[in-house]
Amino acid sequence: QVQLVESGGGLVQAGGSLRLSCAASGRTFSSYAMGWFRQAPGKEREFVAAINWSGTNTYYPHSVKGRFTISRDNAKNTVYLQMNSLKPEDTAVYYCTADRAIVTASAGHEYWGQGTQVTVSA
């Protein structure tokens, strides 16, 4: 069993930065691929970033590539999402996920966090 708790969300002006954290419980964190997803009001949940178990491979959609960076610290059981050059369209609830392999689809994840709100003002 893995429990995921996100933090670091908040209100930021366009062009600003935020760093989200996702703390995982359990001693097997380092065996999981981790991901970030987001869901804006009235929209479907979408893939934001993913990282393999060792941190050597990362994946991003075009919409955030070059602005967002996913990383992990297996010693701290934590995955991060550094978000720079934020835009109003990045406003959403951000969720982290844990899976045995990289999953970029919005469904079919083993574990989800409860989410953290990110609001970017114009």
N, C-alpha and C. Protein backbone atom coordinates (compact mmCIF):
# COMPACT_ATOMS: atom_id res chain seq x y z
N GLN A 1 0.85 -1.19 0.00
CA GLN A 1 0.00 0.00 0.00
C GLN A 1 0.89 1.24 0.00
N VAL A 2 0.53 2.19 -0.83
CA VAL A 2 1.26 3.46 -0.91
C VAL A 2 0.27 4.60 -0.71
N GLN A 3 0.60 5.50 0.18
CA GLN A 3 -0.21 6.71 0.35
C GLN A 3 0.59 7.90 -0.14
N LEU A 4 -0.09 8.77 -0.89
CA LEU A 4 0.56 9.93 -1.50
C LEU A 4 -0.08 11.20 -0.98
N VAL A 5 0.76 12.15 -0.57
CA VAL A 5 0.26 13.43 -0.06
C VAL A 5 0.98 14.56 -0.78
N GLU A 6 0.21 15.33 -1.55
CA GLU A 6 0.77 16.46 -2.27
C GLU A 6 0.77 17.72 -1.41
N SER A 7 1.69 18.60 -1.71
CA SER A 7 1.74 19.91 -1.04
C SER A 7 2.44 20.89 -1.96
N GLY A 8 2.36 22.17 -1.61
CA GLY A 8 3.08 23.19 -2.36
C GLY A 8 2.24 24.01 -3.30
N GLY A 9 0.96 23.66 -3.43
CA GLY A 9 0.11 24.44 -4.29
C GLY A 9 -0.16 25.82 -3.71
N GLY A 10 -0.78 26.67 -4.51
CA GLY A 10 -1.11 28.02 -4.04
C GLY A 10 -1.45 28.93 -5.18
N LEU A 11 -1.47 30.22 -4.87
CA LEU A 11 -1.79 31.26 -5.84
C LEU A 11 -0.49 31.95 -6.27
N VAL A 12 -0.31 32.09 -7.57
CA VAL A 12 0.89 32.72 -8.10
C VAL A 12 0.51 33.53 -9.33
N GLN A 13 1.25 34.59 -9.58
CA GLN A 13 1.01 35.39 -10.77
C GLN A 13 1.60 34.72 -12.00
N ALA A 14 1.03 35.03 -13.14
CA ALA A 14 1.56 34.51 -14.40
C ALA A 14 3.04 34.87 -14.52
N GLY A 15 3.83 33.90 -14.99
CA GLY A 15 5.26 34.08 -15.08
C GLY A 15 6.02 33.61 -13.86
N GLY A 16 5.31 33.34 -12.79
CA GLY A 16 5.93 32.91 -11.55
C GLY A 16 6.21 31.42 -11.52
N SER A 17 6.68 30.97 -10.36
CA SER A 17 7.07 29.58 -10.18
C SER A 17 6.46 28.99 -8.91
N LEU A 18 6.28 27.69 -8.93
CA LEU A 18 5.87 26.92 -7.76
C LEU A 18 6.58 25.59 -7.81
N ARG A 19 6.81 25.02 -6.64
CA ARG A 19 7.32 23.65 -6.59
C ARG A 19 6.36 22.80 -5.78
N LEU A 20 5.83 21.80 -6.42
CA LEU A 20 4.94 20.85 -5.75
C LEU A 20 5.77 19.68 -5.23
N SER A 21 5.32 19.15 -4.12
CA SER A 21 5.94 17.95 -3.55
C SER A 21 4.88 16.88 -3.37
N CYS A 22 5.30 15.65 -3.48
CA CYS A 22 4.41 14.52 -3.23
C CYS A 22 5.18 13.54 -2.35
N ALA A 23 4.76 13.44 -1.11
CA ALA A 23 5.42 12.54 -0.15
C ALA A 23 4.69 11.20 -0.14
N ALA A 24 5.46 10.15 -0.25
CA ALA A 24 4.89 8.81 -0.30
C ALA A 24 5.23 8.03 0.95
N SER A 25 4.26 7.27 1.41
CA SER A 25 4.51 6.36 2.53
C SER A 25 4.96 5.02 1.98
N GLY A 26 5.49 4.19 2.82
CA GLY A 26 5.88 2.85 2.39
C GLY A 26 7.35 2.75 2.05
N ARG A 27 7.87 1.55 2.19
CA ARG A 27 9.30 1.34 1.99
C ARG A 27 9.65 0.97 0.56
N THR A 28 8.65 0.91 -0.32
CA THR A 28 8.91 0.49 -1.70
C THR A 28 8.82 1.65 -2.68
N PHE A 29 8.90 2.87 -2.18
CA PHE A 29 8.76 4.05 -3.05
C PHE A 29 9.70 3.98 -4.23
N SER A 30 10.94 3.58 -4.01
CA SER A 30 11.93 3.61 -5.07
C SER A 30 11.65 2.62 -6.19
N SER A 31 10.70 1.72 -5.99
CA SER A 31 10.36 0.77 -7.04
C SER A 31 9.24 1.27 -7.94
N TYR A 32 8.66 2.41 -7.61
CA TYR A 32 7.52 2.94 -8.36
C TYR A 32 7.92 4.04 -9.31
N ALA A 33 7.32 4.02 -10.49
CA ALA A 33 7.34 5.18 -11.37
C ALA A 33 6.31 6.18 -10.84
N MET A 34 6.65 7.45 -10.91
CA MET A 34 5.77 8.49 -10.36
C MET A 34 5.32 9.44 -11.46
N GLY A 35 4.14 9.98 -11.27
CA GLY A 35 3.62 10.91 -12.27
C GLY A 35 2.87 12.06 -11.64
N TRP A 36 2.67 13.09 -12.43
CA TRP A 36 1.82 14.23 -12.07
C TRP A 36 0.75 14.40 -13.15
N PHE A 37 -0.45 14.65 -12.69
CA PHE A 37 -1.58 14.93 -13.55
C PHE A 37 -2.28 16.17 -13.02
N ARG A 38 -3.12 16.76 -13.85
CA ARG A 38 -3.88 17.92 -13.40
C ARG A 38 -5.27 17.89 -14.00
N GLN A 39 -6.18 18.56 -13.30
CA GLN A 39 -7.54 18.66 -13.78
C GLN A 39 -8.08 20.05 -13.47
N ALA A 40 -8.44 20.75 -14.53
CA ALA A 40 -9.05 22.07 -14.40
C ALA A 40 -10.57 21.92 -14.38
N PRO A 41 -11.29 22.89 -13.82
CA PRO A 41 -12.75 22.79 -13.77
C PRO A 41 -13.35 22.61 -15.15
N GLY A 42 -14.21 21.61 -15.29
CA GLY A 42 -14.89 21.37 -16.54
C GLY A 42 -14.04 20.69 -17.60
N LYS A 43 -12.83 20.30 -17.24
CA LYS A 43 -11.95 19.65 -18.21
C LYS A 43 -11.55 18.27 -17.73
N GLU A 44 -11.07 17.48 -18.66
CA GLU A 44 -10.62 16.14 -18.32
C GLU A 44 -9.24 16.21 -17.65
N ARG A 45 -8.96 15.18 -16.85
CA ARG A 45 -7.66 15.09 -16.23
C ARG A 45 -6.61 14.86 -17.31
N GLU A 46 -5.46 15.54 -17.18
CA GLU A 46 -4.44 15.40 -18.21
C GLU A 46 -3.06 15.15 -17.60
N PHE A 47 -2.25 14.47 -18.38
CA PHE A 47 -0.89 14.13 -18.00
C PHE A 47 -0.01 15.36 -17.99
N VAL A 48 0.85 15.46 -16.96
CA VAL A 48 1.75 16.61 -16.83
C VAL A 48 3.21 16.18 -16.86
N ALA A 49 3.55 15.11 -16.16
CA ALA A 49 4.95 14.68 -16.11
C ALA A 49 5.03 13.28 -15.50
N ALA A 50 6.09 12.58 -15.83
CA ALA A 50 6.33 11.27 -15.24
C ALA A 50 7.83 11.03 -15.14
N ILE A 51 8.19 10.16 -14.19
CA ILE A 51 9.60 9.85 -13.96
C ILE A 51 9.72 8.38 -13.59
N ASN A 52 10.75 7.73 -14.09
CA ASN A 52 10.89 6.32 -13.79
C ASN A 52 11.45 6.13 -12.37
N TRP A 53 11.59 4.89 -11.96
CA TRP A 53 11.92 4.60 -10.57
C TRP A 53 13.27 5.18 -10.15
N SER A 54 14.21 5.22 -11.09
CA SER A 54 15.56 5.68 -10.74
C SER A 54 15.76 7.17 -10.97
N GLY A 55 14.83 7.78 -11.67
CA GLY A 55 14.96 9.20 -11.97
C GLY A 55 15.73 9.49 -13.23
N THR A 56 16.12 8.48 -13.97
CA THR A 56 16.93 8.69 -15.16
C THR A 56 16.12 9.06 -16.39
N ASN A 57 14.84 8.74 -16.39
CA ASN A 57 13.98 9.04 -17.54
C ASN A 57 12.78 9.86 -17.10
N THR A 58 12.52 10.93 -17.84
CA THR A 58 11.38 11.79 -17.56
C THR A 58 10.57 11.99 -18.84
N TYR A 59 9.29 12.31 -18.65
CA TYR A 59 8.36 12.43 -19.77
C TYR A 59 7.46 13.63 -19.52
N TYR A 60 7.19 14.39 -20.60
CA TYR A 60 6.34 15.57 -20.50
C TYR A 60 5.50 15.70 -21.76
N PRO A 61 4.30 16.26 -21.64
CA PRO A 61 3.56 16.62 -22.85
C PRO A 61 4.10 17.94 -23.39
N HIS A 62 3.76 18.26 -24.59
CA HIS A 62 4.24 19.48 -25.22
C HIS A 62 3.83 20.72 -24.44
N SER A 63 2.68 20.66 -23.81
CA SER A 63 2.14 21.85 -23.15
C SER A 63 2.99 22.35 -21.99
N VAL A 64 3.80 21.49 -21.38
CA VAL A 64 4.60 21.91 -20.23
C VAL A 64 6.09 21.70 -20.44
N LYS A 65 6.47 21.05 -21.52
CA LYS A 65 7.88 20.74 -21.74
C LYS A 65 8.69 22.03 -21.82
N GLY A 66 9.80 22.06 -21.10
CA GLY A 66 10.64 23.25 -21.04
C GLY A 66 10.27 24.20 -19.92
N ARG A 67 9.09 24.02 -19.33
CA ARG A 67 8.66 24.88 -18.21
C ARG A 67 8.59 24.08 -16.90
N PHE A 68 8.20 22.83 -16.98
CA PHE A 68 8.04 21.99 -15.79
C PHE A 68 9.17 20.96 -15.74
N THR A 69 9.59 20.62 -14.53
CA THR A 69 10.61 19.60 -14.33
C THR A 69 10.19 18.68 -13.19
N ILE A 70 10.16 17.40 -13.48
CA ILE A 70 9.86 16.41 -12.45
C ILE A 70 11.18 15.81 -11.96
N SER A 71 11.25 15.58 -10.66
CA SER A 71 12.43 14.96 -10.08
C SER A 71 11.99 14.14 -8.86
N ARG A 72 12.90 13.35 -8.34
CA ARG A 72 12.55 12.54 -7.18
C ARG A 72 13.75 12.37 -6.28
N ASP A 73 13.47 12.17 -5.01
CA ASP A 73 14.49 11.88 -4.02
C ASP A 73 14.05 10.60 -3.32
N ASN A 74 14.62 9.48 -3.72
CA ASN A 74 14.18 8.21 -3.17
C ASN A 74 14.53 8.06 -1.68
N ALA A 75 15.55 8.77 -1.24
CA ALA A 75 15.89 8.72 0.18
C ALA A 75 14.83 9.41 1.03
N LYS A 76 14.12 10.36 0.44
CA LYS A 76 13.08 11.10 1.16
C LYS A 76 11.68 10.65 0.76
N ASN A 77 11.58 9.64 -0.09
CA ASN A 77 10.26 9.16 -0.56
C ASN A 77 9.42 10.30 -1.12
N THR A 78 10.03 11.16 -1.90
CA THR A 78 9.33 12.35 -2.38
C THR A 78 9.61 12.57 -3.86
N VAL A 79 8.57 12.99 -4.56
CA VAL A 79 8.70 13.41 -5.95
C VAL A 79 8.30 14.87 -6.02
N TYR A 80 8.96 15.60 -6.90
CA TYR A 80 8.75 17.05 -7.00
C TYR A 80 8.30 17.41 -8.41
N LEU A 81 7.61 18.54 -8.49
CA LEU A 81 7.29 19.13 -9.79
C LEU A 81 7.62 20.60 -9.70
N GLN A 82 8.71 20.99 -10.33
CA GLN A 82 9.09 22.40 -10.41
C GLN A 82 8.38 23.00 -11.61
N MET A 83 7.61 24.04 -11.35
CA MET A 83 6.82 24.67 -12.41
C MET A 83 7.27 26.12 -12.56
N ASN A 84 7.81 26.43 -13.72
CA ASN A 84 8.28 27.79 -14.01
C ASN A 84 7.45 28.39 -15.14
N SER A 85 7.57 29.69 -15.29
CA SER A 85 6.85 30.41 -16.35
C SER A 85 5.38 30.01 -16.39
N LEU A 86 4.76 30.04 -15.24
CA LEU A 86 3.37 29.58 -15.13
C LEU A 86 2.43 30.49 -15.90
N LYS A 87 1.39 29.87 -16.45
CA LYS A 87 0.38 30.56 -17.24
C LYS A 87 -0.99 30.35 -16.58
N PRO A 88 -1.92 31.25 -16.84
CA PRO A 88 -3.28 31.05 -16.28
C PRO A 88 -3.88 29.70 -16.66
N GLU A 89 -3.55 29.19 -17.83
CA GLU A 89 -4.09 27.89 -18.24
C GLU A 89 -3.47 26.72 -17.49
N ASP A 90 -2.47 26.96 -16.65
CA ASP A 90 -1.94 25.92 -15.79
C ASP A 90 -2.77 25.75 -14.51
N THR A 91 -3.73 26.63 -14.32
CA THR A 91 -4.59 26.54 -13.14
C THR A 91 -5.36 25.23 -13.14
N ALA A 92 -5.22 24.48 -12.05
CA ALA A 92 -5.85 23.17 -11.95
C ALA A 92 -5.55 22.58 -10.57
N VAL A 93 -6.20 21.47 -10.28
CA VAL A 93 -5.79 20.64 -9.15
C VAL A 93 -4.75 19.66 -9.68
N TYR A 94 -3.63 19.58 -9.00
CA TYR A 94 -2.53 18.73 -9.42
C TYR A 94 -2.47 17.50 -8.51
N TYR A 95 -2.36 16.34 -9.15
CA TYR A 95 -2.33 15.07 -8.46
C TYR A 95 -1.04 14.31 -8.78
N CYS A 96 -0.52 13.59 -7.81
CA CYS A 96 0.58 12.69 -8.12
C CYS A 96 0.08 11.25 -8.12
N THR A 97 0.79 10.42 -8.85
CA THR A 97 0.42 9.02 -9.01
C THR A 97 1.64 8.14 -8.81
N ALA A 98 1.38 6.89 -8.48
CA ALA A 98 2.44 5.89 -8.33
C ALA A 98 2.01 4.62 -9.05
N ASP A 99 2.93 4.08 -9.85
CA ASP A 99 2.65 2.87 -10.62
C ASP A 99 3.91 2.02 -10.74
N ARG A 100 3.74 0.77 -11.10
CA ARG A 100 4.89 -0.12 -11.28
C ARG A 100 5.65 0.21 -12.56
N ALA A 101 5.01 0.92 -13.48
CA ALA A 101 5.68 1.33 -14.71
C ALA A 101 5.14 2.72 -15.09
N ILE A 102 5.81 3.35 -16.04
CA ILE A 102 5.36 4.68 -16.49
C ILE A 102 3.97 4.56 -17.12
N VAL A 103 3.05 5.40 -16.67
CA VAL A 103 1.69 5.43 -17.22
C VAL A 103 1.35 6.88 -17.51
N THR A 104 1.17 7.22 -18.78
CA THR A 104 0.83 8.60 -19.13
C THR A 104 -0.66 8.78 -19.40
N ALA A 105 -1.40 7.69 -19.43
CA ALA A 105 -2.85 7.80 -19.56
C ALA A 105 -3.43 8.30 -18.25
N SER A 106 -4.62 8.88 -18.32
CA SER A 106 -5.24 9.47 -17.14
C SER A 106 -5.90 8.44 -16.24
N ALA A 107 -6.13 7.26 -16.76
CA ALA A 107 -6.78 6.22 -15.98
C ALA A 107 -5.83 5.05 -15.78
N GLY A 108 -6.20 4.18 -14.86
CA GLY A 108 -5.46 2.95 -14.69
C GLY A 108 -4.27 3.04 -13.76
N HIS A 109 -4.25 4.04 -12.89
CA HIS A 109 -3.13 4.18 -11.96
C HIS A 109 -3.38 3.39 -10.68
N GLU A 110 -2.29 2.92 -10.10
CA GLU A 110 -2.42 2.15 -8.86
C GLU A 110 -2.76 3.05 -7.68
N TYR A 111 -2.10 4.18 -7.60
CA TYR A 111 -2.30 5.07 -6.46
C TYR A 111 -2.39 6.52 -6.92
N TRP A 112 -3.26 7.27 -6.23
CA TRP A 112 -3.44 8.71 -6.46
C TRP A 112 -3.32 9.44 -5.13
N GLY A 113 -2.79 10.65 -5.21
CA GLY A 113 -2.87 11.53 -4.07
C GLY A 113 -4.20 12.27 -4.06
N GLN A 114 -4.38 13.12 -3.06
CA GLN A 114 -5.65 13.83 -2.91
C GLN A 114 -5.69 15.12 -3.70
N GLY A 115 -4.55 15.58 -4.18
CA GLY A 115 -4.49 16.76 -5.02
C GLY A 115 -4.14 18.02 -4.27
N THR A 116 -3.56 18.98 -4.99
CA THR A 116 -3.25 20.28 -4.44
C THR A 116 -3.59 21.33 -5.50
N GLN A 117 -4.23 22.42 -5.07
CA GLN A 117 -4.72 23.43 -6.00
C GLN A 117 -3.60 24.38 -6.39
N VAL A 118 -3.50 24.61 -7.68
CA VAL A 118 -2.59 25.63 -8.22
C VAL A 118 -3.44 26.63 -8.99
N THR A 119 -3.32 27.89 -8.62
CA THR A 119 -4.06 28.95 -9.29
C THR A 119 -3.07 29.99 -9.80
N VAL A 120 -3.14 30.25 -11.10
CA VAL A 120 -2.24 31.23 -11.72
C VAL A 120 -3.08 32.40 -12.18
N SER A 121 -2.81 33.56 -11.63
CA SER A 121 -3.57 34.75 -12.00
C SER A 121 -2.89 35.48 -13.16
N ALA A 122 -3.73 36.12 -13.97
CA ALA A 122 -3.20 36.82 -15.15
C ALA A 122 -2.53 38.14 -14.77
